[in-house]
Full PDB file with SEQRES, HELIX, SHEET, SSBOND, CRYST1, ORIGX, SCALE, CONECT and MASTER records, all heavy atoms in Angstrom:
SEQRES   1 A   40  LEU ALA TYR GLN GLN LEU GLU THR GLN ARG PHE ILE ASN          
SEQRES   2 A   40  ARG TYR GLY ILE GLU GLU PHE ARG PRO ASN PRO PHE PHE          
SEQRES   3 A   40  PRO VAL ASN THR LEU ALA ILE MET ARG GLY ALA ALA ALA          
SEQRES   4 A   40  ALA                                                          
HELIX    1 AA1 ALA A    2  TYR A   15  1                                  14    
HELIX    2 AA2 LEU A   31  ALA A   39  1                                   9    
CRYST1    1.000    1.000    1.000  90.00  90.00  90.00 P 1           1          
ORIGX1      1.000000  0.000000  0.000000        0.00000                         
ORIGX2      0.000000  1.000000  0.000000        0.00000                         
ORIGX3      0.000000  0.000000  1.000000        0.00000                         
SCALE1      1.000000  0.000000  0.000000        0.00000                         
SCALE2      0.000000  1.000000  0.000000        0.00000                         
SCALE3      0.000000  0.000000  1.000000        0.00000                         
ATOM      1  N   LEU A   1      22.074  21.183  25.663  1.00  0.00           N  
ATOM      2  CA  LEU A   1      21.476  20.560  24.479  1.00  0.00           C  
ATOM      3  C   LEU A   1      22.244  19.312  24.058  1.00  0.00           C  
ATOM      4  O   LEU A   1      21.646  18.325  23.638  1.00  0.00           O  
ATOM      5  CB  LEU A   1      21.400  21.561  23.329  1.00  0.00           C  
ATOM      6  CG  LEU A   1      20.277  22.596  23.424  1.00  0.00           C  
ATOM      7  CD1 LEU A   1      20.399  23.630  22.319  1.00  0.00           C  
ATOM      8  CD2 LEU A   1      18.907  21.923  23.362  1.00  0.00           C  
ATOM      9  N   ALA A   2      23.568  19.352  24.187  1.00  0.00           N  
ATOM     10  CA  ALA A   2      24.370  18.173  23.844  1.00  0.00           C  
ATOM     11  C   ALA A   2      24.005  16.996  24.745  1.00  0.00           C  
ATOM     12  O   ALA A   2      23.916  15.850  24.290  1.00  0.00           O  
ATOM     13  CB  ALA A   2      25.853  18.498  23.962  1.00  0.00           C  
ATOM     14  N   TYR A   3      23.775  17.292  26.029  1.00  0.00           N  
ATOM     15  CA  TYR A   3      23.390  16.224  26.943  1.00  0.00           C  
ATOM     16  C   TYR A   3      21.997  15.701  26.605  1.00  0.00           C  
ATOM     17  O   TYR A   3      21.755  14.489  26.658  1.00  0.00           O  
ATOM     18  CB  TYR A   3      23.427  16.693  28.397  1.00  0.00           C  
ATOM     19  CG  TYR A   3      23.029  15.599  29.351  1.00  0.00           C  
ATOM     20  CD1 TYR A   3      23.921  14.576  29.667  1.00  0.00           C  
ATOM     21  CD2 TYR A   3      21.748  15.544  29.889  1.00  0.00           C  
ATOM     22  CE1 TYR A   3      23.551  13.538  30.511  1.00  0.00           C  
ATOM     23  CE2 TYR A   3      21.370  14.515  30.735  1.00  0.00           C  
ATOM     24  CZ  TYR A   3      22.270  13.519  31.042  1.00  0.00           C  
ATOM     25  OH  TYR A   3      21.889  12.488  31.864  1.00  0.00           O  
ATOM     26  N   GLN A   4      21.079  16.597  26.254  1.00  0.00           N  
ATOM     27  CA  GLN A   4      19.736  16.165  25.866  1.00  0.00           C  
ATOM     28  C   GLN A   4      19.799  15.223  24.670  1.00  0.00           C  
ATOM     29  O   GLN A   4      19.085  14.212  24.614  1.00  0.00           O  
ATOM     30  CB  GLN A   4      18.869  17.380  25.523  1.00  0.00           C  
ATOM     31  CG  GLN A   4      18.537  18.268  26.689  1.00  0.00           C  
ATOM     32  CD  GLN A   4      17.612  17.604  27.688  1.00  0.00           C  
ATOM     33  OE1 GLN A   4      18.004  17.299  28.811  1.00  0.00           O  
ATOM     34  NE2 GLN A   4      16.389  17.359  27.283  1.00  0.00           N  
ATOM     35  N   GLN A   5      20.665  15.540  23.718  1.00  0.00           N  
ATOM     36  CA  GLN A   5      20.827  14.683  22.546  1.00  0.00           C  
ATOM     37  C   GLN A   5      21.413  13.324  22.930  1.00  0.00           C  
ATOM     38  O   GLN A   5      21.028  12.289  22.382  1.00  0.00           O  
ATOM     39  CB  GLN A   5      21.706  15.386  21.512  1.00  0.00           C  
ATOM     40  CG  GLN A   5      21.036  16.602  20.891  1.00  0.00           C  
ATOM     41  CD  GLN A   5      21.994  17.457  20.080  1.00  0.00           C  
ATOM     42  OE1 GLN A   5      23.200  17.256  20.089  1.00  0.00           O  
ATOM     43  NE2 GLN A   5      21.434  18.450  19.387  1.00  0.00           N  
ATOM     44  N   LEU A   6      22.333  13.326  23.888  1.00  0.00           N  
ATOM     45  CA  LEU A   6      22.910  12.079  24.377  1.00  0.00           C  
ATOM     46  C   LEU A   6      21.841  11.198  25.017  1.00  0.00           C  
ATOM     47  O   LEU A   6      21.771   9.989  24.755  1.00  0.00           O  
ATOM     48  CB  LEU A   6      24.018  12.388  25.394  1.00  0.00           C  
ATOM     49  CG  LEU A   6      24.653  11.187  26.106  1.00  0.00           C  
ATOM     50  CD1 LEU A   6      25.331  10.259  25.112  1.00  0.00           C  
ATOM     51  CD2 LEU A   6      25.638  11.674  27.162  1.00  0.00           C  
ATOM     52  N   GLU A   7      20.988  11.792  25.838  1.00  0.00           N  
ATOM     53  CA  GLU A   7      19.918  11.034  26.490  1.00  0.00           C  
ATOM     54  C   GLU A   7      18.928  10.484  25.461  1.00  0.00           C  
ATOM     55  O   GLU A   7      18.427   9.362  25.604  1.00  0.00           O  
ATOM     56  CB  GLU A   7      19.196  11.915  27.511  1.00  0.00           C  
ATOM     57  CG  GLU A   7      19.944  12.070  28.816  1.00  0.00           C  
ATOM     58  CD  GLU A   7      20.121  10.738  29.534  1.00  0.00           C  
ATOM     59  OE1 GLU A   7      19.121  10.121  29.924  1.00  0.00           O  
ATOM     60  OE2 GLU A   7      21.278  10.305  29.687  1.00  0.00           O  
ATOM     61  N   THR A   8      18.644  11.283  24.429  1.00  0.00           N  
ATOM     62  CA  THR A   8      17.755  10.811  23.367  1.00  0.00           C  
ATOM     63  C   THR A   8      18.352   9.599  22.672  1.00  0.00           C  
ATOM     64  O   THR A   8      17.658   8.604  22.417  1.00  0.00           O  
ATOM     65  CB  THR A   8      17.482  11.927  22.354  1.00  0.00           C  
ATOM     66  OG1 THR A   8      16.783  12.990  23.000  1.00  0.00           O  
ATOM     67  CG2 THR A   8      16.653  11.431  21.177  1.00  0.00           C  
ATOM     68  N   GLN A   9      19.640   9.654  22.371  1.00  0.00           N  
ATOM     69  CA  GLN A   9      20.284   8.520  21.706  1.00  0.00           C  
ATOM     70  C   GLN A   9      20.307   7.296  22.600  1.00  0.00           C  
ATOM     71  O   GLN A   9      20.119   6.160  22.130  1.00  0.00           O  
ATOM     72  CB  GLN A   9      21.708   8.894  21.288  1.00  0.00           C  
ATOM     73  CG  GLN A   9      22.342   7.880  20.340  1.00  0.00           C  
ATOM     74  CD  GLN A   9      21.529   7.686  19.064  1.00  0.00           C  
ATOM     75  OE1 GLN A   9      21.180   8.642  18.378  1.00  0.00           O  
ATOM     76  NE2 GLN A   9      21.205   6.434  18.758  1.00  0.00           N  
ATOM     77  N   ARG A  10      20.497   7.494  23.901  1.00  0.00           N  
ATOM     78  CA  ARG A  10      20.459   6.369  24.828  1.00  0.00           C  
ATOM     79  C   ARG A  10      19.081   5.702  24.832  1.00  0.00           C  
ATOM     80  O   ARG A  10      18.970   4.473  24.869  1.00  0.00           O  
ATOM     81  CB  ARG A  10      20.810   6.846  26.238  1.00  0.00           C  
ATOM     82  CG  ARG A  10      22.284   7.137  26.444  1.00  0.00           C  
ATOM     83  CD  ARG A  10      22.535   7.794  27.793  1.00  0.00           C  
ATOM     84  NE  ARG A  10      23.955   7.937  28.053  1.00  0.00           N  
ATOM     85  CZ  ARG A  10      24.469   8.750  28.967  1.00  0.00           C  
ATOM     86  NH1 ARG A  10      23.650   9.489  29.725  1.00  0.00           N  
ATOM     87  NH2 ARG A  10      25.772   8.823  29.155  1.00  0.00           N  
ATOM     88  N   PHE A  11      18.034   6.525  24.794  1.00  0.00           N  
ATOM     89  CA  PHE A  11      16.664   6.000  24.766  1.00  0.00           C  
ATOM     90  C   PHE A  11      16.439   5.207  23.480  1.00  0.00           C  
ATOM     91  O   PHE A  11      15.882   4.099  23.507  1.00  0.00           O  
ATOM     92  CB  PHE A  11      15.681   7.168  24.856  1.00  0.00           C  
ATOM     93  CG  PHE A  11      14.248   6.774  25.017  1.00  0.00           C  
ATOM     94  CD1 PHE A  11      13.676   6.684  26.276  1.00  0.00           C  
ATOM     95  CD2 PHE A  11      13.451   6.500  23.911  1.00  0.00           C  
ATOM     96  CE1 PHE A  11      12.338   6.331  26.437  1.00  0.00           C  
ATOM     97  CE2 PHE A  11      12.116   6.147  24.053  1.00  0.00           C  
ATOM     98  CZ  PHE A  11      11.558   6.063  25.313  1.00  0.00           C  
ATOM     99  N   ILE A  12      16.874   5.766  22.364  1.00  0.00           N  
ATOM    100  CA  ILE A  12      16.731   5.094  21.073  1.00  0.00           C  
ATOM    101  C   ILE A  12      17.455   3.753  21.088  1.00  0.00           C  
ATOM    102  O   ILE A  12      16.925   2.727  20.628  1.00  0.00           O  
ATOM    103  CB  ILE A  12      17.269   6.003  19.944  1.00  0.00           C  
ATOM    104  CG1 ILE A  12      16.319   7.181  19.730  1.00  0.00           C  
ATOM    105  CG2 ILE A  12      17.471   5.225  18.653  1.00  0.00           C  
ATOM    106  CD1 ILE A  12      16.892   8.281  18.848  1.00  0.00           C  
ATOM    107  N   ASN A  13      18.658   3.739  21.633  1.00  0.00           N  
ATOM    108  CA  ASN A  13      19.437   2.500  21.695  1.00  0.00           C  
ATOM    109  C   ASN A  13      18.786   1.480  22.634  1.00  0.00           C  
ATOM    110  O   ASN A  13      18.739   0.283  22.326  1.00  0.00           O  
ATOM    111  CB  ASN A  13      20.857   2.803  22.162  1.00  0.00           C  
ATOM    112  CG  ASN A  13      21.640   3.626  21.152  1.00  0.00           C  
ATOM    113  OD1 ASN A  13      21.263   3.733  19.997  1.00  0.00           O  
ATOM    114  ND2 ASN A  13      22.730   4.234  21.602  1.00  0.00           N  
ATOM    115  N   ARG A  14      18.288   1.958  23.785  1.00  0.00           N  
ATOM    116  CA  ARG A  14      17.690   1.045  24.778  1.00  0.00           C  
ATOM    117  C   ARG A  14      16.510   0.290  24.178  1.00  0.00           C  
ATOM    118  O   ARG A  14      16.320  -0.902  24.424  1.00  0.00           O  
ATOM    119  CB  ARG A  14      17.235   1.837  26.000  1.00  0.00           C  
ATOM    120  CG  ARG A  14      16.587   0.963  27.089  1.00  0.00           C  
ATOM    121  CD  ARG A  14      16.074   1.808  28.251  1.00  0.00           C  
ATOM    122  NE  ARG A  14      17.137   2.596  28.846  1.00  0.00           N  
ATOM    123  CZ  ARG A  14      17.102   3.923  28.991  1.00  0.00           C  
ATOM    124  NH1 ARG A  14      16.053   4.612  28.590  1.00  0.00           N  
ATOM    125  NH2 ARG A  14      18.106   4.553  29.547  1.00  0.00           N  
ATOM    126  N   TYR A  15      15.689   1.011  23.388  1.00  0.00           N  
ATOM    127  CA  TYR A  15      14.466   0.401  22.871  1.00  0.00           C  
ATOM    128  C   TYR A  15      14.565  -0.016  21.397  1.00  0.00           C  
ATOM    129  O   TYR A  15      13.576  -0.481  20.830  1.00  0.00           O  
ATOM    130  CB  TYR A  15      13.294   1.361  23.079  1.00  0.00           C  
ATOM    131  CG  TYR A  15      12.986   1.582  24.541  1.00  0.00           C  
ATOM    132  CD1 TYR A  15      13.341   2.763  25.183  1.00  0.00           C  
ATOM    133  CD2 TYR A  15      12.365   0.596  25.301  1.00  0.00           C  
ATOM    134  CE1 TYR A  15      13.072   2.972  26.533  1.00  0.00           C  
ATOM    135  CE2 TYR A  15      12.099   0.783  26.648  1.00  0.00           C  
ATOM    136  CZ  TYR A  15      12.452   1.974  27.255  1.00  0.00           C  
ATOM    137  OH  TYR A  15      12.194   2.168  28.585  1.00  0.00           O  
ATOM    138  N   GLY A  16      15.740   0.129  20.813  1.00  0.00           N  
ATOM    139  CA  GLY A  16      15.947  -0.330  19.437  1.00  0.00           C  
ATOM    140  C   GLY A  16      15.068   0.368  18.418  1.00  0.00           C  
ATOM    141  O   GLY A  16      14.534  -0.272  17.504  1.00  0.00           O  
ATOM    142  N   ILE A  17      14.935   1.685  18.542  1.00  0.00           N  
ATOM    143  CA  ILE A  17      14.058   2.448  17.633  1.00  0.00           C  
ATOM    144  C   ILE A  17      14.895   2.928  16.444  1.00  0.00           C  
ATOM    145  O   ILE A  17      15.345   4.071  16.388  1.00  0.00           O  
ATOM    146  CB  ILE A  17      13.391   3.624  18.374  1.00  0.00           C  
ATOM    147  CG1 ILE A  17      12.670   3.108  19.626  1.00  0.00           C  
ATOM    148  CG2 ILE A  17      12.406   4.344  17.454  1.00  0.00           C  
ATOM    149  CD1 ILE A  17      12.135   4.190  20.523  1.00  0.00           C  
ATOM    150  N   GLU A  18      15.104   2.032  15.510  1.00  0.00           N  
ATOM    151  CA  GLU A  18      16.013   2.312  14.395  1.00  0.00           C  
ATOM    152  C   GLU A  18      15.401   3.214  13.332  1.00  0.00           C  
ATOM    153  O   GLU A  18      16.124   3.775  12.505  1.00  0.00           O  
ATOM    154  CB  GLU A  18      16.458   0.991  13.761  1.00  0.00           C  
ATOM    155  CG  GLU A  18      17.228   0.092  14.719  1.00  0.00           C  
ATOM    156  CD  GLU A  18      17.593  -1.244  14.101  1.00  0.00           C  
ATOM    157  OE1 GLU A  18      17.183  -1.490  12.936  1.00  0.00           O  
ATOM    158  OE2 GLU A  18      18.276  -2.036  14.772  1.00  0.00           O  
ATOM    159  N   GLU A  19      14.084   3.356  13.336  1.00  0.00           N  
ATOM    160  CA  GLU A  19      13.420   4.111  12.261  1.00  0.00           C  
ATOM    161  C   GLU A  19      13.477   5.630  12.466  1.00  0.00           C  
ATOM    162  O   GLU A  19      13.165   6.389  11.556  1.00  0.00           O  
ATOM    163  CB  GLU A  19      11.947   3.689  12.148  1.00  0.00           C  
ATOM    164  CG  GLU A  19      11.744   2.231  11.777  1.00  0.00           C  
ATOM    165  CD  GLU A  19      11.811   1.306  12.988  1.00  0.00           C  
ATOM    166  OE1 GLU A  19      12.051   1.792  14.120  1.00  0.00           O  
ATOM    167  OE2 GLU A  19      11.632   0.094  12.808  1.00  0.00           O  
ATOM    168  N   PHE A  20      13.828   6.084  13.666  1.00  0.00           N  
ATOM    169  CA  PHE A  20      13.792   7.512  13.971  1.00  0.00           C  
ATOM    170  C   PHE A  20      14.762   8.304  13.096  1.00  0.00           C  
ATOM    171  O   PHE A  20      15.921   7.925  12.934  1.00  0.00           O  
ATOM    172  CB  PHE A  20      14.134   7.755  15.438  1.00  0.00           C  
ATOM    173  CG  PHE A  20      14.236   9.219  15.795  1.00  0.00           C  
ATOM    174  CD1 PHE A  20      13.091   9.986  15.917  1.00  0.00           C  
ATOM    175  CD2 PHE A  20      15.462   9.830  15.985  1.00  0.00           C  
ATOM    176  CE1 PHE A  20      13.163  11.337  16.231  1.00  0.00           C  
ATOM    177  CE2 PHE A  20      15.550  11.169  16.304  1.00  0.00           C  
ATOM    178  CZ  PHE A  20      14.396  11.931  16.425  1.00  0.00           C  
ATOM    179  N   ARG A  21      14.255   9.407  12.544  1.00  0.00           N  
ATOM    180  CA  ARG A  21      15.072  10.341  11.772  1.00  0.00           C  
ATOM    181  C   ARG A  21      14.748  11.758  12.228  1.00  0.00           C  
ATOM    182  O   ARG A  21      13.568  12.116  12.314  1.00  0.00           O  
ATOM    183  CB  ARG A  21      14.769  10.235  10.267  1.00  0.00           C  
ATOM    184  CG  ARG A  21      14.986   8.863   9.651  1.00  0.00           C  
ATOM    185  CD  ARG A  21      16.475   8.534   9.526  1.00  0.00           C  
ATOM    186  NE  ARG A  21      16.674   7.228   8.908  1.00  0.00           N  
ATOM    187  CZ  ARG A  21      16.691   6.068   9.554  1.00  0.00           C  
ATOM    188  NH1 ARG A  21      16.497   6.041  10.867  1.00  0.00           N  
ATOM    189  NH2 ARG A  21      16.893   4.931   8.924  1.00  0.00           N  
ATOM    190  N   PRO A  22      15.746  12.580  12.494  1.00  0.00           N  
ATOM    191  CA  PRO A  22      15.456  13.985  12.794  1.00  0.00           C  
ATOM    192  C   PRO A  22      14.739  14.640  11.613  1.00  0.00           C  
ATOM    193  O   PRO A  22      15.057  14.361  10.453  1.00  0.00           O  
ATOM    194  CB  PRO A  22      16.852  14.597  12.997  1.00  0.00           C  
ATOM    195  CG  PRO A  22      17.739  13.438  13.315  1.00  0.00           C  
ATOM    196  CD  PRO A  22      17.180  12.267  12.558  1.00  0.00           C  
ATOM    197  N   ASN A  23      13.755  15.476  11.917  1.00  0.00           N  
ATOM    198  CA  ASN A  23      13.012  16.154  10.851  1.00  0.00           C  
ATOM    199  C   ASN A  23      13.766  17.417  10.453  1.00  0.00           C  
ATOM    200  O   ASN A  23      13.934  18.325  11.271  1.00  0.00           O  
ATOM    201  CB  ASN A  23      11.606  16.500  11.331  1.00  0.00           C  
ATOM    202  CG  ASN A  23      10.706  16.941  10.194  1.00  0.00           C  
ATOM    203  OD1 ASN A  23      11.090  17.764   9.380  1.00  0.00           O  
ATOM    204  ND2 ASN A  23       9.506  16.386  10.125  1.00  0.00           N  
ATOM    205  N   PRO A  24      14.239  17.502   9.191  1.00  0.00           N  
ATOM    206  CA  PRO A  24      15.031  18.661   8.767  1.00  0.00           C  
ATOM    207  C   PRO A  24      14.226  19.952   8.715  1.00  0.00           C  
ATOM    208  O   PRO A  24      14.809  21.031   8.614  1.00  0.00           O  
ATOM    209  CB  PRO A  24      15.534  18.263   7.370  1.00  0.00           C  
ATOM    210  CG  PRO A  24      14.517  17.277   6.873  1.00  0.00           C  
ATOM    211  CD  PRO A  24      14.061  16.521   8.094  1.00  0.00           C  
ATOM    212  N   PHE A  25      12.898  19.845   8.790  1.00  0.00           N  
ATOM    213  CA  PHE A  25      12.034  21.033   8.751  1.00  0.00           C  
ATOM    214  C   PHE A  25      11.627  21.495  10.150  1.00  0.00           C  
ATOM    215  O   PHE A  25      10.835  22.416  10.292  1.00  0.00           O  
ATOM    216  CB  PHE A  25      10.790  20.737   7.906  1.00  0.00           C  
ATOM    217  CG  PHE A  25      11.118  20.262   6.525  1.00  0.00           C  
ATOM    218  CD1 PHE A  25      11.006  18.914   6.191  1.00  0.00           C  
ATOM    219  CD2 PHE A  25      11.571  21.137   5.556  1.00  0.00           C  
ATOM    220  CE1 PHE A  25      11.319  18.464   4.924  1.00  0.00           C  
ATOM    221  CE2 PHE A  25      11.889  20.698   4.275  1.00  0.00           C  
ATOM    222  CZ  PHE A  25      11.761  19.362   3.963  1.00  0.00           C  
ATOM    223  N   PHE A  26      12.164  20.836  11.169  1.00  0.00           N  
ATOM    224  CA  PHE A  26      11.840  21.150  12.564  1.00  0.00           C  
ATOM    225  C   PHE A  26      12.309  22.561  12.907  1.00  0.00           C  
ATOM    226  O   PHE A  26      13.398  22.958  12.519  1.00  0.00           O  
ATOM    227  CB  PHE A  26      12.536  20.135  13.467  1.00  0.00           C  
ATOM    228  CG  PHE A  26      12.188  20.236  14.919  1.00  0.00           C  
ATOM    229  CD1 PHE A  26      11.027  19.679  15.414  1.00  0.00           C  
ATOM    230  CD2 PHE A  26      13.028  20.889  15.791  1.00  0.00           C  
ATOM    231  CE1 PHE A  26      10.706  19.760  16.757  1.00  0.00           C  
ATOM    232  CE2 PHE A  26      12.723  20.977  17.140  1.00  0.00           C  
ATOM    233  CZ  PHE A  26      11.566  20.413  17.615  1.00  0.00           C  
ATOM    234  N   PRO A  27      11.496  23.351  13.641  1.00  0.00           N  
ATOM    235  CA  PRO A  27      10.178  23.011  14.179  1.00  0.00           C  
ATOM    236  C   PRO A  27       9.068  23.166  13.139  1.00  0.00           C  
ATOM    237  O   PRO A  27       9.120  24.059  12.292  1.00  0.00           O  
ATOM    238  CB  PRO A  27      10.004  24.026  15.315  1.00  0.00           C  
ATOM    239  CG  PRO A  27      10.782  25.227  14.859  1.00  0.00           C  
ATOM    240  CD  PRO A  27      11.951  24.684  14.082  1.00  0.00           C  
ATOM    241  N   VAL A  28       8.090  22.305  13.218  1.00  0.00           N  
ATOM    242  CA  VAL A  28       6.952  22.287  12.306  1.00  0.00           C  
ATOM    243  C   VAL A  28       5.728  22.828  13.044  1.00  0.00           C  
ATOM    244  O   VAL A  28       5.474  22.459  14.178  1.00  0.00           O  
ATOM    245  CB  VAL A  28       6.690  20.848  11.810  1.00  0.00           C  
ATOM    246  CG1 VAL A  28       5.394  20.766  11.028  1.00  0.00           C  
ATOM    247  CG2 VAL A  28       7.859  20.357  10.968  1.00  0.00           C  
ATOM    248  N   ASN A  29       4.983  23.707  12.389  1.00  0.00           N  
ATOM    249  CA  ASN A  29       3.722  24.193  12.957  1.00  0.00           C  
ATOM    250  C   ASN A  29       2.704  23.053  12.867  1.00  0.00           C  
ATOM    251  O   ASN A  29       2.314  22.645  11.773  1.00  0.00           O  
ATOM    252  CB  ASN A  29       3.227  25.417  12.186  1.00  0.00           C  
ATOM    253  CG  ASN A  29       1.965  26.010  12.764  1.00  0.00           C  
ATOM    254  OD1 ASN A  29       1.120  25.309  13.308  1.00  0.00           O  
ATOM    255  ND2 ASN A  29       1.814  27.315  12.654  1.00  0.00           N  
ATOM    256  N   THR A  30       2.274  22.554  14.000  1.00  0.00           N  
ATOM    257  CA  THR A  30       1.465  21.333  14.015  1.00  0.00           C  
ATOM    258  C   THR A  30      -0.040  21.582  14.079  1.00  0.00           C  
ATOM    259  O   THR A  30      -0.800  20.622  14.245  1.00  0.00           O  
ATOM    260  CB  THR A  30       1.875  20.437  15.202  1.00  0.00           C  
ATOM    261  OG1 THR A  30       1.665  21.158  16.429  1.00  0.00           O  
ATOM    262  CG2 THR A  30       3.321  19.999  15.085  1.00  0.00           C  
ATOM    263  N   LEU A  31      -0.481  22.815  13.952  1.00  0.00           N  
ATOM    264  CA  LEU A  31      -1.906  23.106  14.123  1.00  0.00           C  
ATOM    265  C   LEU A  31      -2.782  22.232  13.223  1.00  0.00           C  
ATOM    266  O   LEU A  31      -3.751  21.620  13.683  1.00  0.00           O  
ATOM    267  CB  LEU A  31      -2.190  24.579  13.871  1.00  0.00           C  
ATOM    268  CG  LEU A  31      -3.662  25.002  13.982  1.00  0.00           C  
ATOM    269  CD1 LEU A  31      -4.203  24.718  15.382  1.00  0.00           C  
ATOM    270  CD2 LEU A  31      -3.825  26.484  13.625  1.00  0.00           C  
ATOM    271  N   ALA A  32      -2.456  22.157  11.930  1.00  0.00           N  
ATOM    272  CA  ALA A  32      -3.301  21.407  10.994  1.00  0.00           C  
ATOM    273  C   ALA A  32      -3.314  19.920  11.326  1.00  0.00           C  
ATOM    274  O   ALA A  32      -4.384  19.288  11.367  1.00  0.00           O  
ATOM    275  CB  ALA A  32      -2.824  21.630   9.561  1.00  0.00           C  
ATOM    276  N   ILE A  33      -2.149  19.332  11.574  1.00  0.00           N  
ATOM    277  CA  ILE A  33      -2.123  17.886  11.830  1.00  0.00           C  
ATOM    278  C   ILE A  33      -2.677  17.539  13.210  1.00  0.00           C  
ATOM    279  O   ILE A  33      -3.205  16.440  13.408  1.00  0.00           O  
ATOM    280  CB  ILE A  33      -0.712  17.285  11.624  1.00  0.00           C  
ATOM    281  CG1 ILE A  33       0.355  18.023  12.437  1.00  0.00           C  
ATOM    282  CG2 ILE A  33      -0.363  17.259  10.147  1.00  0.00           C  
ATOM    283  CD1 ILE A  33       1.757  17.432  12.305  1.00  0.00           C  
ATOM    284  N   MET A  34      -2.598  18.486  14.160  1.00  0.00           N  
ATOM    285  CA  MET A  34      -3.220  18.220  15.464  1.00  0.00           C  
ATOM    286  C   MET A  34      -4.735  18.367  15.384  1.00  0.00           C  
ATOM    287  O   MET A  34      -5.469  17.645  16.062  1.00  0.00           O  
ATOM    288  CB  MET A  34      -2.633  19.130  16.540  1.00  0.00           C  
ATOM    289  CG  MET A  34      -1.175  18.842  16.876  1.00  0.00           C  
ATOM    290  SD  MET A  34      -0.773  17.084  17.151  1.00  0.00           S  
ATOM    291  CE  MET A  34      -1.854  16.693  18.540  1.00  0.00           C  
ATOM    292  N   ARG A  35      -5.226  19.272  14.557  1.00  0.00           N  
ATOM    293  CA  ARG A  35      -6.674  19.306  14.321  1.00  0.00           C  
ATOM    294  C   ARG A  35      -7.119  18.010  13.654  1.00  0.00           C  
ATOM    295  O   ARG A  35      -8.197  17.480  13.951  1.00  0.00           O  
ATOM    296  CB  ARG A  35      -7.040  20.508  13.450  1.00  0.00           C  
ATOM    297  CG  ARG A  35      -7.059  21.828  14.206  1.00  0.00           C  
ATOM    298  CD  ARG A  35      -7.453  22.970  13.299  1.00  0.00           C  
ATOM    299  NE  ARG A  35      -7.539  24.243  14.012  1.00  0.00           N  
ATOM    300  CZ  ARG A  35      -7.633  25.428  13.423  1.00  0.00           C  
ATOM    301  NH1 ARG A  35      -7.675  25.494  12.091  1.00  0.00           N  
ATOM    302  NH2 ARG A  35      -7.696  26.530  14.142  1.00  0.00           N  
ATOM    303  N   GLY A  36      -6.283  17.487  12.767  1.00  0.00           N  
ATOM    304  CA  GLY A  36      -6.579  16.189  12.172  1.00  0.00           C  
ATOM    305  C   GLY A  36      -6.675  15.102  13.224  1.00  0.00           C  
ATOM    306  O   GLY A  36      -7.533  14.214  13.148  1.00  0.00           O  
ATOM    307  N   ALA A  37      -5.799  15.174  14.233  1.00  0.00           N  
ATOM    308  CA  ALA A  37      -5.843  14.193  15.318  1.00  0.00           C  
ATOM    309  C   ALA A  37      -7.116  14.347  16.137  1.00  0.00           C  
ATOM    310  O   ALA A  37      -7.728  13.358  16.542  1.00  0.00           O  
ATOM    311  CB  ALA A  37      -4.615  14.346  16.208  1.00  0.00           C  
ATOM    312  N   ALA A  38      -7.522  15.591  16.389  1.00  0.00           N  
ATOM    313  CA  ALA A  38      -8.767  15.825  17.124  1.00  0.00           C  
ATOM    314  C   ALA A  38      -9.963  15.284  16.339  1.00  0.00           C  
ATOM    315  O   ALA A  38     -10.881  14.684  16.916  1.00  0.00           O  
ATOM    316  CB  ALA A  38      -8.945  17.316  17.407  1.00  0.00           C  
ATOM    317  N   ALA A  39      -9.936  15.470  15.017  1.00  0.00           N  
ATOM    318  CA  ALA A  39     -11.004  14.918  14.178  1.00  0.00           C  
ATOM    319  C   ALA A  39     -11.006  13.394  14.250  1.00  0.00           C  
ATOM    320  O   ALA A  39     -12.060  12.766  14.384  1.00  0.00           O  
ATOM    321  CB  ALA A  39     -10.813  15.374  12.732  1.00  0.00           C  
ATOM    322  N   ALA A  40      -9.826  12.804  14.172  1.00  0.00           N  
ATOM    323  CA  ALA A  40      -9.730  11.345  14.230  1.00  0.00           C  
ATOM    324  C   ALA A  40     -10.184  10.812  15.593  1.00  0.00           C  
ATOM    325  O   ALA A  40     -10.801   9.745  15.673  1.00  0.00           O  
ATOM    326  CB  ALA A  40      -8.294  10.915  13.941  1.00  0.00           C  
TER     327      ALA A  40                                                      
MASTER        0    0    0    2    0    0    0    6  326    1    0    4          
END                                                                             
């Protein structure tokens, strides 16, 4: 897991994705928002 986090940070740095924030409520049940995506 530590290595996975390192790779994620490398990706963020490579592409300059400064807005990313870990979600403190993770994991989130996505059923409702994914149904919203299907509707959209």
